[in-house]
């Protein structure tokens, strides 16, 4: 591209125009160079040059009119050299496009005129064009707005990991969030396939890390077997406590269903309900009929009355001995002989159910509560890993332990407690669901947060009380879901954005979607320290170094 130059001479046709300036124009001083009118861009190289005009002279009269030199016809004398004019920065502007030239084109394809006035700079890339833009939407452009892509949570909580969008730390604590009004329930639900990372999250975020805070406590239902004991046993022993091991062998822990702590914590009504749950679990989860329930309540009243007279703590065998003796209950004095006989038969049926439970699982429910069962430590575990997977033993122990925990918390207030159930179906499914639902408000008032892990949400019927208990959780961690029906239930039952249905099956190990209250979902990468990794690996038998 050619440069613009200053010329001391004017074209012949332009001199008259210059001299015939308006009367108000100031006269040109002697020795001043005037700039030649600029021609159209690119025309200076094509049009031939005209004859040069004579140099301008200084004005001869006071009115500023220019006069012709006296020796116009004589040869021109050599004039003094003219100093080069000071260069000025040229401002290059893109030309206005012709009408219709940019119509129908998006802004990032609009035509422009790149200015390259200096060759050296152009070679060094000084005038290199910028990257071409790309079409976007306001939703995608949120990443450019720091106010929109701020940290998804505040710093008041336990660190979970990092936000995959903003790289910010994601922290959450159910009790802190409940106190700030971010959630209406402190309960937590963890969903996902086996091996996706649920156990690591529970061990770190809801067991290990809260123990560093004052006034916190964790209680675990330890269901997974790890070398002949629960997987949390080593962790509990590291904190100086002893796990409460339940076993069919002699010497295991005993839980008394009629323990006074349960009566004082939840009342006699809930203890009678717990007794009904144990009887229903003994017959495979089938509910008792009205006559059987009434016969069981009668046996409970008679057993409590007899134990109070003997000044001792009642146990489950006392209820069995009173079952079928409804005629001795003063509450049924006005019943007909036929009604008493039917009530007697129902009592015998309940007696046979509970008798089979005690005979099959002797040493677990048939005596006073073991003296080492307490909540004196910050970390407590109920090890049920050695009990049979099938049968009523595991859900019955969980139901009794949960009611005992509520009674203990009512006596020993002042601490927030996380109750972790990795195999959550045993605690919230079947007959236990109604019992858990009935004590939800009581647990919230006592500072108890229920943390439940479930593998397949689609296996829970829509009309089940268990689903109601799970939907009360205001904190949801959803790991990878491989089945389409599980994905649909997660999106529908817990209010996830429908577009995330394609994200759930593609989540890698350790990544999950975190949803708290009404806040939008956040993709989080769970991060563990080296110390936590060593304590939370659960598959050493399958991998040489364990899952990381």
Protein backbone atom coordinates (compact mmCIF):
# COMPACT_ATOMS: atom_id res chain seq x y z
CA UNK A 1 0.00 0.00 0.00
CA UNK A 2 1.46 3.43 -0.97
CA UNK A 3 2.18 6.09 1.61
CA UNK A 4 0.72 9.58 1.71
CA UNK A 5 3.38 12.22 1.16
CA UNK A 6 3.57 15.95 1.60
CA UNK A 7 4.38 17.92 -1.59
CA UNK A 8 5.72 21.52 -1.72
CA UNK A 9 4.08 22.07 -5.06
CA UNK A 10 0.50 22.26 -6.18
CA UNK A 11 -1.11 21.29 -9.43
CA UNK A 12 -1.69 24.16 -11.85
CA UNK A 13 -5.40 23.90 -11.61
CA UNK A 14 -5.31 24.07 -7.84
CA UNK A 15 -3.15 27.22 -7.44
CA UNK A 16 -5.90 29.60 -8.36
CA UNK A 17 -8.22 27.91 -6.01
CA UNK A 18 -5.68 28.23 -3.23
CA UNK A 19 -4.99 31.88 -3.94
CA UNK A 20 -8.64 32.77 -4.26
CA UNK A 21 -9.39 31.94 -0.66
CA UNK A 22 -12.08 33.73 1.24
CA UNK A 23 -11.24 37.18 2.60
CA UNK A 24 -11.42 35.86 6.15
CA UNK A 25 -8.73 33.25 5.57
CA UNK A 26 -5.33 34.06 7.05
CA UNK A 27 -2.49 34.54 4.52
CA UNK A 28 0.01 31.77 4.25
CA UNK A 29 3.32 32.58 5.86
CA UNK A 30 6.47 32.57 3.87
CA UNK A 31 8.13 29.19 3.54
CA UNK A 32 5.00 27.25 4.54
CA UNK A 33 4.30 24.09 2.57
CA UNK A 34 0.76 23.34 1.62
CA UNK A 35 -0.52 19.80 1.32
CA UNK A 36 -1.71 18.73 -2.09
CA UNK A 37 -5.28 17.56 -2.31
CA UNK A 38 -5.46 13.83 -1.85
CA UNK A 39 -6.59 11.80 -4.80
CA UNK A 40 -8.83 8.82 -4.68
CA UNK A 41 -7.22 5.76 -3.08
CA UNK A 42 -5.23 3.84 -5.65
CA UNK A 43 -5.54 6.48 -8.40
CA UNK A 44 -2.10 8.04 -7.90
CA UNK A 45 -0.41 5.12 -9.59
CA UNK A 46 -2.63 5.05 -12.67
CA UNK A 47 -3.25 8.70 -13.71
CA UNK A 48 -0.35 10.53 -15.44
CA UNK A 49 1.19 13.49 -13.63
CA UNK A 50 0.29 17.00 -14.85
CA UNK A 51 2.71 19.87 -15.40
CA UNK A 52 4.15 21.17 -12.19
CA UNK A 53 2.99 24.54 -10.94
CA UNK A 54 5.53 27.25 -10.06
CA UNK A 55 6.46 27.58 -6.42
CA UNK A 56 4.44 29.92 -4.31
CA UNK A 57 5.83 33.29 -3.34
CA UNK A 58 5.24 35.31 -0.24
CA UNK A 59 2.34 37.75 -0.33
CA UNK A 60 3.15 41.21 -1.80
CA UNK A 61 0.24 43.27 -0.52
CA UNK A 62 -1.53 43.71 2.74
CA UNK A 63 -4.77 42.26 1.47
CA UNK A 64 -3.17 38.85 1.20
CA UNK A 65 -3.55 38.47 -2.61
CA UNK A 66 -0.83 36.43 -4.21
CA UNK A 67 1.22 38.02 -7.07
CA UNK A 68 3.13 36.34 -9.85
CA UNK A 69 6.95 36.44 -9.64
CA UNK A 70 8.73 39.04 -11.76
CA UNK A 71 11.09 36.61 -13.47
CA UNK A 72 8.38 34.13 -14.39
CA UNK A 73 9.83 33.56 -17.86
CA UNK A 74 13.48 33.25 -16.72
CA UNK A 75 14.96 29.96 -15.64
CA UNK A 76 14.19 29.12 -12.02
CA UNK A 77 17.01 29.72 -9.61
CA UNK A 78 17.84 26.92 -7.28
CA UNK A 79 15.95 27.34 -4.06
CA UNK A 80 17.08 26.46 -0.56
CA UNK A 81 16.44 22.85 0.50
CA UNK A 82 13.12 22.30 2.21
CA UNK A 83 13.17 20.52 5.60
CA UNK A 84 11.17 17.26 5.57
CA UNK A 85 7.78 17.64 7.15
CA UNK A 86 7.16 15.91 10.46
CA UNK A 87 5.35 12.66 9.94
CA UNK A 88 1.93 12.38 11.41
CA UNK A 89 0.19 9.18 12.39
CA UNK A 90 -2.23 8.17 9.71
CA UNK A 91 -5.61 7.01 10.88
CA UNK A 92 -6.97 4.25 8.74
CA UNK A 93 -10.63 3.56 8.89
CA UNK A 94 -12.59 0.80 7.28
CA UNK A 95 -14.55 2.10 4.30
CA UNK A 96 -18.28 2.13 4.42
CA UNK A 97 -19.57 -0.95 2.67
CA UNK A 98 -21.77 -0.51 -0.33
CA UNK A 99 -25.53 -0.76 0.22
CA UNK A 100 -26.61 -4.37 0.41
CA UNK A 101 -23.03 -5.65 0.67
CA UNK A 102 -23.40 -6.92 4.24
CA UNK A 103 -27.05 -7.82 4.17
CA UNK A 104 -27.87 -11.35 5.23
CA UNK A 105 -24.50 -11.92 6.92
CA UNK A 106 -23.97 -12.42 10.67
CA UNK A 107 -21.83 -9.83 12.52
CA UNK A 108 -18.78 -12.11 12.71
CA UNK A 109 -18.72 -12.38 8.90
CA UNK A 110 -19.07 -8.63 8.17
CA UNK A 111 -16.56 -7.29 5.66
CA UNK A 112 -13.84 -4.99 6.93
CA UNK A 113 -10.67 -3.32 5.61
CA UNK A 114 -7.63 -4.50 7.58
CA UNK A 115 -5.15 -1.62 7.83
CA UNK A 116 -1.49 -2.58 7.20
CA UNK A 117 0.35 0.78 6.81
CA UNK A 118 3.74 -0.52 8.05
CA UNK A 119 5.37 -3.47 6.35
CA UNK A 120 7.67 -4.36 9.26
CA UNK A 121 4.82 -4.55 11.72
CA UNK A 122 2.78 -6.55 9.28
CA UNK A 123 5.60 -9.10 8.94
CA UNK A 124 5.85 -9.41 12.74
CA UNK A 125 2.14 -10.14 12.93
CA UNK A 126 1.23 -6.78 14.44
CA UNK A 127 -1.77 -6.46 12.13
CA UNK A 128 -2.73 -10.15 12.23
CA UNK A 129 -6.48 -10.65 12.27
CA UNK A 130 -8.18 -11.79 15.46
CA UNK A 131 -9.82 -15.19 15.78
CA UNK A 132 -13.17 -15.35 14.11
CA UNK A 133 -16.10 -15.40 16.49
CA UNK A 134 -18.61 -18.17 16.87
CA UNK A 135 -22.35 -18.02 17.43
CA UNK A 136 -23.39 -18.61 21.04
CA UNK A 137 -26.34 -18.26 23.39
CA UNK A 138 -26.85 -16.44 26.64
CA UNK A 139 -26.82 -19.76 28.51
CA UNK A 140 -23.42 -20.68 27.08
CA UNK A 141 -22.11 -17.17 27.62
CA UNK A 142 -22.71 -17.44 31.38
CA UNK A 143 -19.14 -18.62 31.71
CA UNK A 144 -18.02 -15.11 30.71
CA UNK A 145 -19.94 -13.55 33.59
CA UNK A 146 -18.21 -14.07 36.92
CA UNK A 147 -21.39 -13.17 38.75
CA UNK A 148 -23.22 -16.06 37.09
CA UNK A 149 -20.35 -18.55 37.33
CA UNK A 150 -19.55 -17.77 40.94
CA UNK A 151 -18.94 -20.58 43.42
CA UNK A 152 -22.11 -22.72 43.61
CA UNK A 153 -21.90 -22.90 47.41
CA UNK A 154 -20.49 -20.75 50.15
CA UNK A 155 -17.61 -21.67 52.43
CA UNK A 156 -19.81 -22.64 55.39
CA UNK A 157 -19.78 -26.39 55.11
CA UNK A 158 -17.68 -29.49 54.63
CA UNK A 159 -15.63 -29.58 51.44
CA UNK A 160 -16.96 -32.06 48.88
CA UNK A 161 -14.81 -31.42 45.81
CA UNK A 162 -14.56 -29.00 42.91
CA UNK A 163 -17.16 -27.62 40.57
CA UNK A 164 -16.40 -28.90 37.07
CA UNK A 165 -17.57 -25.59 35.51
CA UNK A 166 -15.93 -22.90 37.64
CA UNK A 167 -13.26 -25.01 39.39
CA UNK A 168 -14.51 -23.56 42.68
CA UNK A 169 -14.71 -25.55 45.90
CA UNK A 170 -18.12 -27.10 46.58
CA UNK A 171 -18.94 -27.34 50.29
CA UNK A 172 -22.06 -28.45 52.09
CA UNK A 173 -23.19 -29.35 55.59
CA UNK A 174 -26.83 -30.41 56.13
CA UNK A 175 -27.13 -28.77 59.55
CA UNK A 176 -25.59 -25.48 58.47
CA UNK A 177 -27.75 -25.41 55.34
CA UNK A 178 -30.85 -26.16 57.43
CA UNK A 179 -30.04 -23.35 59.88
CA UNK A 180 -29.62 -20.89 56.96
CA UNK A 181 -32.91 -21.94 55.36
CA UNK A 182 -31.29 -23.43 52.27
CA UNK A 183 -32.95 -26.81 52.88
CA UNK A 184 -36.10 -27.79 54.73
CA UNK A 185 -34.73 -31.17 55.84
CA UNK A 186 -31.20 -32.23 56.85
CA UNK A 187 -31.63 -35.70 55.32
CA UNK A 188 -29.26 -36.69 52.51
CA UNK A 189 -29.72 -39.17 49.65
CA UNK A 190 -26.87 -40.72 47.63
CA UNK A 191 -27.81 -42.52 44.40
CA UNK A 192 -25.77 -44.38 41.82
CA UNK A 193 -24.47 -47.62 40.37
CA UNK A 194 -22.12 -49.91 42.25
CA UNK A 195 -18.51 -48.76 41.96
CA UNK A 196 -19.31 -45.15 41.01
CA UNK A 197 -17.92 -43.68 44.26
CA UNK A 198 -20.82 -43.51 46.73
CA UNK A 199 -18.92 -45.17 49.60
CA UNK A 200 -15.97 -42.79 49.25
CA UNK A 201 -18.31 -39.81 49.45
CA UNK A 202 -20.06 -41.15 52.56
CA UNK A 203 -16.83 -41.98 54.37
CA UNK A 204 -15.21 -38.61 53.73
CA UNK A 205 -17.94 -35.97 53.51
CA UNK A 206 -20.35 -37.40 56.10
CA UNK A 207 -18.06 -39.37 58.43
CA UNK A 208 -14.40 -38.30 58.49
CA UNK A 209 -14.53 -34.59 57.74
CA UNK A 210 -17.44 -33.69 60.07
CA UNK A 211 -15.54 -35.30 62.96
CA UNK A 212 -13.07 -32.42 62.80
CA UNK A 213 -15.87 -30.05 63.83
CA UNK A 214 -16.94 -29.46 67.42
CA UNK A 215 -20.25 -30.91 68.55
CA UNK A 216 -20.48 -33.48 65.75
CA UNK A 217 -20.98 -37.21 65.83
CA UNK A 218 -21.38 -39.98 63.25
CA UNK A 219 -23.30 -43.25 63.66
CA UNK A 220 -22.99 -45.92 60.97
CA UNK A 221 -24.97 -49.01 60.04
CA UNK A 222 -22.07 -51.05 58.72
CA UNK A 223 -23.45 -53.61 56.28
CA UNK A 224 -20.55 -54.41 53.92
CA UNK A 225 -18.27 -57.30 54.85
CA UNK A 226 -14.54 -56.60 54.69
CA UNK A 227 -12.34 -59.43 55.87
CA UNK A 228 -14.82 -60.88 58.35
CA UNK A 229 -15.95 -57.55 59.79
CA UNK A 230 -17.62 -54.36 58.68
CA UNK A 231 -15.67 -52.02 56.42
CA UNK A 232 -15.92 -49.20 58.98
CA UNK A 233 -14.48 -51.22 61.88
CA UNK A 234 -10.88 -50.22 61.22
CA UNK A 235 -11.90 -46.58 60.98
CA UNK A 236 -13.86 -46.74 64.25
CA UNK A 237 -10.94 -48.38 66.03
CA UNK A 238 -8.60 -45.71 64.69
CA UNK A 239 -10.72 -43.15 66.53
CA UNK A 240 -10.43 -45.11 69.78
CA UNK A 241 -13.89 -46.71 69.83
CA UNK A 242 -15.07 -50.32 69.59
CA UNK A 243 -17.60 -51.36 66.95
CA UNK A 244 -20.83 -52.95 68.18
CA UNK A 245 -20.70 -56.30 66.39
CA UNK A 246 -23.85 -58.34 65.88
CA UNK A 247 -23.38 -62.01 65.23
CA UNK A 248 -25.14 -65.33 65.54
CA UNK A 249 -22.16 -66.56 67.55
CA UNK A 250 -22.11 -66.13 71.35
CA UNK A 251 -20.58 -62.94 72.66
CA UNK A 252 -22.13 -60.53 70.18
CA UNK A 253 -24.00 -57.33 70.90
CA UNK A 254 -27.58 -57.58 72.17
CA UNK A 255 -30.28 -54.96 71.58
CA UNK A 256 -33.36 -55.06 73.78
CA UNK A 257 -36.46 -54.02 71.89
CA UNK A 258 -38.09 -53.04 75.23
CA UNK A 259 -35.12 -50.99 76.46
CA UNK A 260 -36.22 -48.09 78.70
CA UNK A 261 -34.14 -45.72 76.57
CA UNK A 262 -36.46 -46.42 73.65
CA UNK A 263 -39.53 -45.93 75.85
CA UNK A 264 -38.22 -42.65 77.26
CA UNK A 265 -37.14 -41.36 73.88
CA UNK A 266 -40.08 -42.14 71.62
CA UNK A 267 -42.84 -43.11 74.03
CA UNK A 268 -44.70 -46.38 74.65
CA UNK A 269 -46.75 -45.90 71.48
CA UNK A 270 -43.70 -45.93 69.22
CA UNK A 271 -42.25 -48.87 71.15
CA UNK A 272 -45.42 -50.85 70.49
CA UNK A 273 -45.11 -49.82 66.84
CA UNK A 274 -41.53 -51.09 66.83
CA UNK A 275 -42.76 -54.40 68.22
CA UNK A 276 -45.27 -54.60 65.37
CA UNK A 277 -42.51 -53.89 62.81
CA UNK A 278 -40.44 -56.75 64.25
CA UNK A 279 -43.41 -59.12 63.95
CA UNK A 280 -44.10 -58.06 60.35
CA UNK A 281 -40.44 -58.47 59.42
CA UNK A 282 -40.56 -61.94 60.94
CA UNK A 283 -43.25 -62.93 58.43
CA UNK A 284 -41.48 -61.51 55.41
CA UNK A 285 -42.82 -57.94 55.59
CA UNK A 286 -46.49 -58.87 55.31
CA UNK A 287 -48.64 -56.61 57.53
CA UNK A 288 -50.50 -57.91 60.55
CA UNK A 289 -54.28 -57.96 60.44
CA UNK A 290 -56.29 -55.86 62.95
CA UNK A 291 -56.82 -58.78 65.35
CA UNK A 292 -53.12 -59.65 65.38
CA UNK A 293 -52.14 -56.02 66.02
CA UNK A 294 -54.58 -55.78 68.91
CA UNK A 295 -53.36 -59.06 70.39
CA UNK A 296 -49.76 -57.82 70.19
CA UNK A 297 -50.62 -54.56 71.94
CA UNK A 298 -52.36 -56.52 74.68
CA UNK A 299 -49.31 -58.75 75.21
CA UNK A 300 -47.09 -55.63 75.35
CA UNK A 301 -49.22 -53.98 78.04
CA UNK A 302 -49.30 -57.14 80.15
CA UNK A 303 -45.51 -57.61 79.86
CA UNK A 304 -44.76 -54.01 80.84
CA UNK A 305 -47.16 -54.25 83.79
CA UNK A 306 -45.54 -57.48 85.04
CA UNK A 307 -42.00 -56.10 84.69
CA UNK A 308 -42.94 -52.96 86.58
CA UNK A 309 -44.37 -55.05 89.41
CA UNK A 310 -41.15 -57.08 89.58
CA UNK A 311 -39.01 -53.88 89.30
CA UNK A 312 -36.98 -55.13 86.38
CA UNK A 313 -36.40 -54.23 82.74
CA UNK A 314 -38.75 -56.15 80.40
CA UNK A 315 -37.35 -58.12 77.47
CA UNK A 316 -38.88 -59.56 74.32
CA UNK A 317 -39.48 -63.07 75.80
CA UNK A 318 -41.83 -61.41 78.34
CA UNK A 319 -44.08 -60.34 75.47
CA UNK A 320 -44.11 -63.87 74.09
CA UNK A 321 -45.23 -65.29 77.41
CA UNK A 322 -48.18 -62.87 77.55
CA UNK A 323 -49.30 -63.39 73.94
CA UNK A 324 -52.58 -65.31 73.83
CA UNK A 325 -53.70 -64.16 77.29
CA UNK A 326 -56.02 -61.38 76.19
CA UNK A 327 -58.69 -62.63 78.56
CA UNK A 328 -56.52 -61.45 81.48
CA UNK A 329 -56.41 -57.90 80.14
CA UNK A 330 -58.97 -55.68 81.93
CA UNK A 331 -59.38 -53.65 78.73
CA UNK A 332 -61.32 -56.54 77.17
CA UNK A 333 -63.69 -57.31 80.02
CA UNK A 334 -66.73 -56.31 77.95
CA UNK A 335 -65.89 -58.52 74.94
CA UNK A 336 -68.03 -61.51 74.07
CA UNK A 337 -66.59 -65.00 74.47
CA UNK A 338 -66.36 -65.33 70.71
CA UNK A 339 -64.33 -62.09 70.39
CA UNK A 340 -62.04 -63.15 73.22
CA UNK A 341 -61.47 -66.49 71.54
CA UNK A 342 -60.60 -64.83 68.24
CA UNK A 343 -58.26 -62.45 70.04
CA UNK A 344 -56.66 -65.40 71.78
CA UNK A 345 -56.02 -67.16 68.47
CA UNK A 346 -54.53 -64.01 66.97
CA UNK A 347 -52.23 -63.70 70.00
CA UNK A 348 -51.00 -67.24 69.50
CA UNK A 349 -50.19 -66.48 65.86
CA UNK A 350 -48.11 -63.46 66.87
CA UNK A 351 -46.41 -65.53 69.55
CA UNK A 352 -45.35 -68.12 67.00
CA UNK A 353 -43.89 -65.40 64.76
CA UNK A 354 -41.78 -63.80 67.49
CA UNK A 355 -40.77 -67.16 68.91
CA UNK A 356 -39.35 -68.14 65.53
CA UNK A 357 -37.45 -64.83 65.37
CA UNK A 358 -35.84 -65.39 68.76
CA UNK A 359 -35.04 -69.01 68.03
CA UNK A 360 -33.37 -68.26 64.70
CA UNK A 361 -31.50 -65.17 65.91
CA UNK A 362 -30.83 -65.98 69.52
CA UNK A 363 -28.37 -63.72 71.25
CA UNK A 364 -29.44 -60.58 69.36
CA UNK A 365 -32.94 -59.67 70.66
CA UNK A 366 -33.58 -62.01 73.62
CA UNK A 367 -31.94 -60.17 76.50
CA UNK A 368 -31.05 -56.78 78.01
CA UNK A 369 -29.05 -54.34 75.92
CA UNK A 370 -25.30 -54.94 76.12
CA UNK A 371 -23.56 -52.49 78.49
CA UNK A 372 -21.08 -51.34 75.83
CA UNK A 373 -23.82 -49.97 73.59
CA UNK A 374 -23.47 -46.21 73.97
CA UNK A 375 -22.87 -42.97 72.07
CA UNK A 376 -19.96 -41.80 74.16
CA UNK A 377 -17.57 -41.60 71.20
CA UNK A 378 -17.66 -39.31 68.19
CA UNK A 379 -17.75 -42.30 65.85
CA UNK A 380 -20.04 -45.29 66.50
CA UNK A 381 -20.87 -48.23 64.25
CA UNK A 382 -23.44 -51.00 64.37
CA UNK A 383 -21.65 -53.83 62.56
CA UNK A 384 -24.31 -56.06 60.97
CA UNK A 385 -22.03 -57.39 58.23
CA UNK A 386 -21.99 -60.91 59.70
CA UNK A 387 -25.77 -61.30 59.85
CA UNK A 388 -27.58 -63.16 57.07
CA UNK A 389 -28.38 -61.03 54.04
CA UNK A 390 -31.81 -62.56 53.67
CA UNK A 391 -34.25 -62.61 56.53
CA UNK A 392 -35.45 -60.17 59.16
CA UNK A 393 -32.25 -59.90 61.22
CA UNK A 394 -30.62 -56.90 59.50
CA UNK A 395 -33.72 -54.68 59.13
CA UNK A 396 -34.85 -55.56 62.67
CA UNK A 397 -31.48 -54.58 64.16
CA UNK A 398 -31.53 -51.33 62.17
CA UNK A 399 -35.06 -50.52 63.33
CA UNK A 400 -34.27 -51.17 67.00
CA UNK A 401 -30.95 -49.31 66.81
CA UNK A 402 -32.61 -46.31 65.18
CA UNK A 403 -35.26 -46.11 67.90
CA UNK A 404 -32.60 -46.56 70.57
CA UNK A 405 -30.58 -43.75 68.95
CA UNK A 406 -33.57 -41.38 69.07
CA UNK A 407 -34.08 -42.15 72.75
CA UNK A 408 -30.40 -41.54 73.48
CA UNK A 409 -30.38 -38.25 71.60
CA UNK A 410 -33.36 -37.05 73.59
CA UNK A 411 -31.37 -37.66 76.79
CA UNK A 412 -28.02 -36.41 75.49
CA UNK A 413 -28.74 -33.24 73.56
CA UNK A 414 -26.22 -30.75 72.22
CA UNK A 415 -24.63 -32.65 69.32
CA UNK A 416 -25.44 -32.94 65.65
CA UNK A 417 -25.45 -36.55 64.48
CA UNK A 418 -25.09 -38.06 61.00
CA UNK A 419 -26.75 -41.47 60.73
CA UNK A 420 -25.25 -43.26 57.72
CA UNK A 421 -26.91 -46.27 56.09
CA UNK A 422 -25.06 -47.45 52.98
CA UNK A 423 -27.57 -50.23 52.39
CA UNK A 424 -30.40 -47.81 52.95
CA UNK A 425 -33.18 -50.06 51.73
CA UNK A 426 -33.03 -52.12 54.94
CA UNK A 427 -33.72 -48.96 56.95
CA UNK A 428 -36.29 -47.14 54.81
CA UNK A 429 -37.91 -50.04 52.99
CA UNK A 430 -40.65 -52.43 54.01
CA UNK A 431 -42.28 -52.03 57.43
CA UNK A 432 -39.45 -49.75 58.58
CA UNK A 433 -40.56 -47.00 56.19
CA UNK A 434 -43.68 -46.13 58.16
CA UNK A 435 -41.69 -46.11 61.40
CA UNK A 436 -39.05 -43.81 59.89
CA UNK A 437 -41.68 -41.50 58.47
CA UNK A 438 -43.46 -41.28 61.82
CA UNK A 439 -40.24 -40.14 63.54
CA UNK A 440 -39.01 -37.68 60.91
CA UNK A 441 -40.00 -34.57 62.83
CA UNK A 442 -38.63 -36.01 66.07
CA UNK A 443 -35.28 -36.76 64.41
CA UNK A 444 -35.07 -33.24 62.96
CA UNK A 445 -35.75 -31.72 66.37
CA UNK A 446 -33.01 -33.84 67.94
CA UNK A 447 -30.33 -32.82 65.42
CA UNK A 448 -30.26 -36.11 63.49
CA UNK A 449 -29.54 -36.21 59.75
CA UNK A 450 -30.33 -39.45 57.94
CA UNK A 451 -27.81 -40.16 55.15
CA UNK A 452 -29.02 -43.01 52.93
CA UNK A 453 -27.37 -44.66 49.92
CA UNK A 454 -29.56 -46.40 47.33
CA UNK A 455 -28.44 -48.22 44.19
CA UNK A 456 -31.59 -48.50 42.07
CA UNK A 457 -34.33 -45.98 42.75
CA UNK A 458 -36.60 -47.60 40.16
CA UNK A 459 -36.87 -50.71 42.35
CA UNK A 460 -38.92 -48.71 44.88
CA UNK A 461 -42.62 -48.60 44.01
CA UNK A 462 -44.09 -45.18 43.41
CA UNK A 463 -46.73 -45.65 46.13
CA UNK A 464 -44.25 -47.01 48.70
CA UNK A 465 -43.78 -45.13 51.99
CA UNK A 466 -40.05 -45.57 51.43
CA UNK A 467 -40.17 -43.20 48.46
CA UNK A 468 -41.84 -40.59 50.65
CA UNK A 469 -39.00 -40.86 53.16
CA UNK A 470 -36.39 -40.53 50.41
CA UNK A 471 -38.10 -37.55 48.78
CA UNK A 472 -37.89 -35.66 52.06
CA UNK A 473 -34.13 -35.45 51.55
CA UNK A 474 -33.20 -31.94 50.41
CA UNK A 475 -29.62 -32.89 49.54
CA UNK A 476 -29.09 -35.34 46.66
CA UNK A 477 -25.82 -36.73 45.31
CA UNK A 478 -26.53 -38.61 42.08
CA UNK A 479 -23.73 -40.71 40.63
CA UNK A 480 -23.77 -42.61 37.37
CA UNK A 481 -27.08 -44.26 36.47
CA UNK A 482 -26.92 -46.86 33.70
CA UNK A 483 -30.57 -47.92 33.52
CA UNK A 484 -33.06 -45.76 31.65
CA UNK A 485 -35.83 -46.30 34.21
CA UNK A 486 -33.54 -45.16 37.05
CA UNK A 487 -32.64 -42.02 35.08
CA UNK A 488 -36.30 -41.20 34.49
CA UNK A 489 -37.13 -41.67 38.17
CA UNK A 490 -34.24 -39.46 39.30
CA UNK A 491 -35.29 -36.64 36.99
CA UNK A 492 -38.97 -36.95 37.92
CA UNK A 493 -38.83 -37.73 41.65
CA UNK A 494 -36.12 -35.27 42.66
CA UNK A 495 -36.70 -32.37 40.27
CA UNK A 496 -33.56 -32.65 38.14
CA UNK A 497 -33.38 -30.67 34.91
CA UNK A 498 -34.64 -32.90 32.07
CA UNK A 499 -31.58 -32.14 29.95
CA UNK A 500 -29.39 -33.92 32.50
CA UNK A 501 -30.88 -37.28 31.54
CA UNK A 502 -28.13 -37.58 28.91
CA UNK A 503 -25.44 -36.66 31.45
CA UNK A 504 -26.23 -39.23 34.16
CA UNK A 505 -25.15 -42.36 32.24
CA UNK A 506 -21.92 -40.67 31.08
CA UNK A 507 -20.60 -39.66 34.52
CA UNK A 508 -17.18 -41.09 35.36
CA UNK A 509 -16.13 -42.62 38.65
CA UNK A 510 -15.95 -39.97 41.36
CA UNK A 511 -18.15 -37.47 39.45
CA UNK A 512 -21.73 -36.79 40.44
CA UNK A 513 -24.52 -34.25 40.19
CA UNK A 514 -25.07 -32.36 43.43
CA UNK A 515 -28.47 -30.80 44.14
CA UNK A 516 -29.27 -28.82 47.28
CA UNK A 517 -32.77 -27.56 47.93
CA UNK A 518 -33.94 -25.40 45.04
CA UNK A 519 -30.46 -24.63 43.78
CA UNK A 520 -29.56 -25.81 40.27
CA UNK A 521 -27.61 -29.01 39.84
CA UNK A 522 -23.81 -28.83 39.94
CA UNK A 523 -21.41 -31.39 38.48
CA UNK A 524 -18.85 -32.11 41.19
CA UNK A 525 -15.64 -34.08 41.19
CA UNK A 526 -15.15 -35.65 44.61
CA UNK A 527 -11.56 -35.11 45.75
CA UNK A 528 -9.84 -37.14 48.47
CA UNK A 529 -6.53 -36.71 50.20
CA UNK A 530 -3.95 -39.49 50.24
CA UNK A 531 -4.91 -40.31 53.84
CA UNK A 532 -8.60 -40.52 52.95
CA UNK A 533 -7.87 -42.61 49.89
CA UNK A 534 -6.15 -45.23 52.02
CA UNK A 535 -9.06 -45.37 54.44
CA UNK A 536 -11.87 -45.41 51.89
CA UNK A 537 -10.67 -48.02 49.40
CA UNK A 538 -13.18 -50.86 49.50
CA UNK A 539 -11.98 -53.20 46.77
CA UNK A 540 -8.44 -54.26 47.64
CA UNK A 541 -9.44 -57.85 46.99
CA UNK A 542 -10.33 -57.01 43.39
CA UNK A 543 -7.59 -54.50 42.56
CA UNK A 544 -3.95 -54.42 43.54
CA UNK A 545 -3.86 -50.81 44.64
CA UNK A 546 -7.50 -50.20 45.32
CA UNK A 547 -9.81 -47.73 43.63
CA UNK A 548 -8.51 -44.18 43.58
